[in-house]
């Protein structure tokens, strides 16, 4: 079964999701802030909409509209606009990385207008076009069932799930991203141990990554990516050690605090990212100063003659 669906936001994720839907036979009515991307997708078979009103006019009611925009004020503004344009019975699917408590609030506000809200946590990154997008869905069961042909096309086999009521999809995606932080940190620390060892100079980390993916208990897609990374830059000389964090990693740790769940690995991996974003930490400078004060240990000072 194919469907007609609106797609708002043609960034790295949204564009490829729209392409996968087109390849699955669905009709995609696409809107983006910059018209060039709309034009590009139209050439690939989409229907272009150069305003939200035009998108609504080109979709047959009841309309499903998927939002794929950066989480935060941009999404809030878009939902507010759609709330004035769409009609009762229409569905807004928020596919970005929104906080699940925001989903609950938005659903309540839209319910007053008869508009249905569905949250969809999507994982797959730039590889989703070919491999599919793991999709975690929250919202009314009847809305999920109506949209199921879209989820089935986007996801790999058995790669989508109705996780529960409003917010459940983004909640599960939030925890997913927290786990992702921990896994990445574990791999990073393990490879650093090897790099600093007497064997580090001789080890080919791309080969080690490939080896570990052959039946070992730590095999994973992340190791496949690591293999490619090390093939291109064996000692990562072209990359700064600055790691940004998304809101979801923070939210996962905050949720653990709220429910008194100990998550030392997830928390440590989040704090490691915070540290990577600091050129010089205040805490590190204080530690060095205190060590010097009580023990006379050497301290590295900035600037000449200090």
Protein backbone atom coordinates (compact mmCIF):
# COMPACT_ATOMS: atom_id res chain seq x y z
CA UNK A 1 0.00 0.00 0.00
CA UNK A 2 1.31 3.44 -0.93
CA UNK A 3 0.43 6.80 0.61
CA UNK A 4 0.59 10.49 0.02
CA UNK A 5 2.64 12.35 2.64
CA UNK A 6 4.07 15.80 3.19
CA UNK A 7 7.75 16.11 4.08
CA UNK A 8 8.99 19.28 5.78
CA UNK A 9 12.78 19.70 5.94
CA UNK A 10 15.13 18.36 3.29
CA UNK A 11 18.39 18.23 5.21
CA UNK A 12 20.69 15.20 5.30
CA UNK A 13 18.04 13.02 6.93
CA UNK A 14 14.86 14.50 5.47
CA UNK A 15 16.08 14.47 1.87
CA UNK A 16 17.11 10.82 1.96
CA UNK A 17 13.96 9.79 3.80
CA UNK A 18 11.91 11.48 1.08
CA UNK A 19 13.95 9.66 -1.55
CA UNK A 20 13.37 6.31 0.14
CA UNK A 21 9.64 6.99 0.26
CA UNK A 22 9.62 7.93 -3.43
CA UNK A 23 11.46 4.74 -4.30
CA UNK A 24 8.82 2.86 -2.31
CA UNK A 25 6.10 4.28 -4.53
CA UNK A 26 4.71 6.89 -2.15
CA UNK A 27 3.76 10.39 -3.29
CA UNK A 28 5.87 12.96 -1.42
CA UNK A 29 4.83 16.60 -1.28
CA UNK A 30 8.02 18.36 -0.19
CA UNK A 31 8.68 21.73 1.44
CA UNK A 32 12.01 23.21 2.50
CA UNK A 33 13.11 26.66 3.58
CA UNK A 34 15.53 26.88 0.65
CA UNK A 35 13.71 26.19 -2.65
CA UNK A 36 16.79 24.70 -4.33
CA UNK A 37 16.35 21.43 -2.43
CA UNK A 38 12.67 21.33 -3.36
CA UNK A 39 13.64 21.72 -7.02
CA UNK A 40 16.19 18.94 -6.66
CA UNK A 41 13.66 16.51 -5.17
CA UNK A 42 11.03 17.43 -7.76
CA UNK A 43 13.46 16.21 -10.42
CA UNK A 44 13.49 12.89 -8.57
CA UNK A 45 9.71 12.55 -8.62
CA UNK A 46 8.39 14.55 -5.68
CA UNK A 47 5.65 17.18 -5.78
CA UNK A 48 7.06 20.56 -4.82
CA UNK A 49 5.39 22.92 -2.37
CA UNK A 50 6.90 26.37 -1.93
CA UNK A 51 4.78 27.36 1.06
CA UNK A 52 3.09 25.45 3.85
CA UNK A 53 -0.29 26.54 2.51
CA UNK A 54 0.60 25.09 -0.88
CA UNK A 55 1.62 21.83 0.77
CA UNK A 56 -1.72 21.60 2.56
CA UNK A 57 -3.56 22.30 -0.68
CA UNK A 58 -1.68 19.56 -2.56
CA UNK A 59 -2.32 16.90 0.09
CA UNK A 60 -5.63 15.05 0.20
CA UNK A 61 -7.31 15.12 3.61
CA UNK A 62 -6.81 13.68 6.10
CA UNK A 63 -3.25 14.89 5.62
CA UNK A 64 -0.12 13.28 7.10
CA UNK A 65 2.77 15.76 7.40
CA UNK A 66 6.24 14.65 8.53
CA UNK A 67 8.54 17.25 10.13
CA UNK A 68 12.29 16.59 9.85
CA UNK A 69 13.90 19.69 11.33
CA UNK A 70 16.47 20.42 14.08
CA UNK A 71 14.94 19.97 17.54
CA UNK A 72 14.05 23.06 19.51
CA UNK A 73 12.55 26.43 18.55
CA UNK A 74 12.50 25.61 14.83
CA UNK A 75 10.23 22.62 15.42
CA UNK A 76 8.07 24.54 17.90
CA UNK A 77 7.52 27.30 15.35
CA UNK A 78 6.72 24.83 12.58
CA UNK A 79 4.16 22.97 14.68
CA UNK A 80 2.57 26.27 15.63
CA UNK A 81 2.27 27.24 11.97
CA UNK A 82 0.86 23.87 10.96
CA UNK A 83 -1.66 24.09 13.77
CA UNK A 84 -3.18 27.09 12.00
CA UNK A 85 -3.09 25.53 8.53
CA UNK A 86 -4.10 21.90 8.98
CA UNK A 87 -7.60 20.60 9.65
CA UNK A 88 -9.10 18.23 12.23
CA UNK A 89 -8.09 14.64 11.46
CA UNK A 90 -4.73 15.61 9.95
CA UNK A 91 -1.57 14.10 11.45
CA UNK A 92 1.72 15.79 12.32
CA UNK A 93 4.65 13.36 12.61
CA UNK A 94 7.65 14.87 14.45
CA UNK A 95 10.65 12.86 13.25
CA UNK A 96 13.48 14.87 14.80
CA UNK A 97 15.14 14.48 18.19
CA UNK A 98 12.54 16.20 20.34
CA UNK A 99 12.33 15.80 24.12
CA UNK A 100 9.50 13.39 24.93
CA UNK A 101 7.91 15.76 27.46
CA UNK A 102 7.60 18.35 24.69
CA UNK A 103 5.73 15.73 22.66
CA UNK A 104 3.18 15.28 25.43
CA UNK A 105 2.60 19.03 25.66
CA UNK A 106 2.31 19.47 21.89
CA UNK A 107 -0.11 16.57 21.52
CA UNK A 108 -2.37 18.12 24.14
CA UNK A 109 -2.33 21.49 22.41
CA UNK A 110 -3.03 20.02 18.97
CA UNK A 111 -5.77 17.74 20.30
CA UNK A 112 -7.85 20.85 21.04
CA UNK A 113 -7.81 21.52 17.29
CA UNK A 114 -8.51 17.92 16.35
CA UNK A 115 -5.01 17.44 14.91
CA UNK A 116 -3.24 14.19 15.76
CA UNK A 117 0.39 14.23 16.89
CA UNK A 118 2.81 11.33 16.42
CA UNK A 119 6.43 11.26 17.60
CA UNK A 120 8.93 9.20 15.61
CA UNK A 121 12.50 8.70 16.75
CA UNK A 122 14.61 7.87 13.72
CA UNK A 123 18.06 6.27 13.67
CA UNK A 124 20.08 5.55 10.58
CA UNK A 125 22.01 8.70 9.77
CA UNK A 126 23.41 9.19 6.30
CA UNK A 127 23.28 5.43 5.66
CA UNK A 128 19.50 5.23 6.03
CA UNK A 129 18.74 5.70 2.35
CA UNK A 130 20.23 2.33 1.48
CA UNK A 131 20.02 0.44 4.79
CA UNK A 132 16.75 1.85 6.11
CA UNK A 133 15.81 3.89 9.17
CA UNK A 134 15.15 2.25 12.52
CA UNK A 135 11.97 4.01 13.60
CA UNK A 136 10.55 4.26 17.12
CA UNK A 137 6.97 5.55 17.14
CA UNK A 138 4.78 7.04 19.86
CA UNK A 139 1.18 8.20 19.67
CA UNK A 140 -2.32 6.82 19.15
CA UNK A 141 -2.37 3.24 17.90
CA UNK A 142 -4.88 4.09 15.15
CA UNK A 143 -2.60 6.82 13.79
CA UNK A 144 0.35 4.41 13.82
CA UNK A 145 -1.65 1.83 11.88
CA UNK A 146 -2.73 4.42 9.33
CA UNK A 147 0.88 5.51 8.82
CA UNK A 148 2.33 1.99 8.90
CA UNK A 149 2.95 1.81 5.11
CA UNK A 150 5.28 4.81 5.48
CA UNK A 151 7.15 3.31 8.44
CA UNK A 152 7.45 0.00 6.63
CA UNK A 153 9.03 1.69 3.61
CA UNK A 154 11.43 3.78 5.66
CA UNK A 155 12.64 0.99 7.92
CA UNK A 156 14.58 -2.20 7.24
CA UNK A 157 12.75 -5.47 7.90
CA UNK A 158 11.41 -5.50 11.49
CA UNK A 159 12.93 -2.03 11.89
CA UNK A 160 9.95 -0.07 13.21
CA UNK A 161 7.86 -0.34 16.37
CA UNK A 162 4.88 1.33 17.99
CA UNK A 163 6.48 1.94 21.39
CA UNK A 164 3.41 3.26 23.18
CA UNK A 165 1.43 6.48 23.71
CA UNK A 166 2.56 10.00 22.97
CA UNK A 167 6.25 10.57 23.74
CA UNK A 168 7.17 6.87 23.84
CA UNK A 169 8.92 6.96 20.47
CA UNK A 170 11.19 9.84 21.34
CA UNK A 171 11.72 8.41 24.84
CA UNK A 172 13.06 5.14 23.40
CA UNK A 173 15.19 7.11 20.90
CA UNK A 174 16.57 9.20 23.79
CA UNK A 175 17.70 6.07 25.62
CA UNK A 176 19.08 4.70 22.33
CA UNK A 177 21.29 7.78 21.96
CA UNK A 178 22.47 7.54 25.57
CA UNK A 179 23.59 3.95 24.90
CA UNK A 180 25.26 5.12 21.70
CA UNK A 181 27.34 7.60 23.73
CA UNK A 182 28.53 4.80 26.01
CA UNK A 183 29.40 2.43 23.18
CA UNK A 184 31.37 5.07 21.29
CA UNK A 185 33.25 6.08 24.44
CA UNK A 186 34.18 2.46 25.16
CA UNK A 187 35.60 1.96 21.68
CA UNK A 188 37.46 5.28 21.86
CA UNK A 189 39.09 4.44 25.19
CA UNK A 190 40.03 0.93 24.07
CA UNK A 191 41.76 2.15 20.95
CA UNK A 192 43.57 4.83 22.97
CA UNK A 193 44.95 2.15 25.30
CA UNK A 194 46.30 0.33 22.27
CA UNK A 195 47.69 3.51 20.73
CA UNK A 196 49.61 4.34 23.93
CA UNK A 197 50.98 0.81 24.35
CA UNK A 198 54.39 -0.58 23.25
CA UNK A 199 52.48 -2.29 20.41
CA UNK A 200 50.65 0.84 19.27
CA UNK A 201 53.05 1.79 16.50
CA UNK A 202 52.78 -1.63 14.86
CA UNK A 203 49.05 -2.16 15.20
CA UNK A 204 46.87 -1.47 12.18
CA UNK A 205 43.66 -0.23 13.80
CA UNK A 206 41.61 -0.74 10.62
CA UNK A 207 42.63 -4.40 10.67
CA UNK A 208 41.86 -4.67 14.39
CA UNK A 209 38.40 -3.20 13.77
CA UNK A 210 37.80 -5.68 10.97
CA UNK A 211 39.08 -8.55 13.10
CA UNK A 212 36.78 -7.74 16.01
CA UNK A 213 33.80 -7.79 13.65
CA UNK A 214 34.47 -11.43 12.75
CA UNK A 215 32.48 -13.19 15.46
CA UNK A 216 33.78 -11.36 18.54
CA UNK A 217 31.41 -10.34 21.30
CA UNK A 218 32.02 -6.63 20.64
CA UNK A 219 31.30 -6.74 16.89
CA UNK A 220 29.05 -3.90 15.68
CA UNK A 221 28.23 -1.46 12.93
CA UNK A 222 30.21 1.17 14.86
CA UNK A 223 33.30 -1.01 14.40
CA UNK A 224 32.58 -1.17 10.67
CA UNK A 225 32.58 2.63 10.67
CA UNK A 226 35.78 2.67 12.75
CA UNK A 227 37.47 0.46 10.16
CA UNK A 228 36.65 3.00 7.46
CA UNK A 229 37.80 5.88 9.65
CA UNK A 230 41.19 4.26 10.31
CA UNK A 231 41.66 3.34 6.65
CA UNK A 232 41.30 7.02 5.72
CA UNK A 233 43.32 8.42 8.64
CA UNK A 234 45.28 5.65 10.46
CA UNK A 235 46.24 7.80 13.49
CA UNK A 236 43.45 10.39 13.23
CA UNK A 237 45.92 13.20 12.62
CA UNK A 238 43.38 15.23 10.66
CA UNK A 239 40.70 15.38 13.37
CA UNK A 240 40.46 17.61 16.45
CA UNK A 241 39.37 15.85 19.65
CA UNK A 242 36.23 17.95 20.05
CA UNK A 243 33.03 15.93 20.32
CA UNK A 244 29.67 17.68 20.30
CA UNK A 245 26.72 16.29 22.24
CA UNK A 246 23.10 16.22 21.19
CA UNK A 247 20.27 17.00 23.57
CA UNK A 248 19.25 13.35 23.79
CA UNK A 249 22.40 12.20 25.60
CA UNK A 250 21.81 14.86 28.24
CA UNK A 251 18.13 14.02 28.51
CA UNK A 252 18.88 10.32 29.02
CA UNK A 253 21.12 11.13 32.00
CA UNK A 254 18.58 13.62 33.36
CA UNK A 255 15.87 10.96 33.11
CA UNK A 256 18.08 8.53 35.02
CA UNK A 257 18.49 11.10 37.80
CA UNK A 258 14.72 11.70 37.93
CA UNK A 259 14.05 7.98 38.36
CA UNK A 260 17.12 7.21 40.53
CA UNK A 261 18.63 4.83 37.98
CA UNK A 262 22.45 4.55 38.21
CA UNK A 263 24.00 5.09 34.76
CA UNK A 264 27.75 5.58 35.42
CA UNK A 265 28.80 4.62 31.88
CA UNK A 266 26.29 6.88 30.13
CA UNK A 267 27.02 9.78 32.47
CA UNK A 268 30.79 9.42 32.11
CA UNK A 269 30.53 9.34 28.32
CA UNK A 270 28.43 12.52 28.35
CA UNK A 271 30.89 14.30 30.64
CA UNK A 272 33.78 13.19 28.41
CA UNK A 273 32.10 15.04 25.56
CA UNK A 274 31.72 18.13 27.70
CA UNK A 275 35.44 18.00 28.50
CA UNK A 276 36.39 17.61 24.85
CA UNK A 277 34.65 20.90 24.08
CA UNK A 278 36.88 22.84 26.50
CA UNK A 279 40.23 24.16 25.34
CA UNK A 280 41.24 24.52 28.98
CA UNK A 281 39.06 23.47 31.89
CA UNK A 282 38.68 25.52 35.06
CA UNK A 283 38.56 22.32 37.13
CA UNK A 284 41.83 21.08 35.62
CA UNK A 285 43.56 24.36 36.40
CA UNK A 286 42.29 24.25 39.98
CA UNK A 287 43.48 20.65 40.42
CA UNK A 288 46.95 21.59 39.22
CA UNK A 289 47.03 24.62 41.52
CA UNK A 290 45.90 22.65 44.59
CA UNK A 291 48.45 19.92 43.94
CA UNK A 292 51.15 22.58 43.78
CA UNK A 293 49.84 24.29 46.94
CA UNK A 294 49.87 21.25 49.22
CA UNK A 295 52.77 19.30 47.80
CA UNK A 296 54.92 21.74 45.93
CA UNK A 297 54.38 19.75 42.74
CA UNK A 298 55.24 21.46 39.48
CA UNK A 299 52.57 23.30 37.56
CA UNK A 300 52.62 24.36 33.91
CA UNK A 301 51.94 28.07 33.66
CA UNK A 302 50.73 30.15 30.74
CA UNK A 303 52.72 32.92 29.15
CA UNK A 304 56.32 34.04 29.62
CA UNK A 305 57.89 34.62 33.05
CA UNK A 306 54.86 33.36 35.02
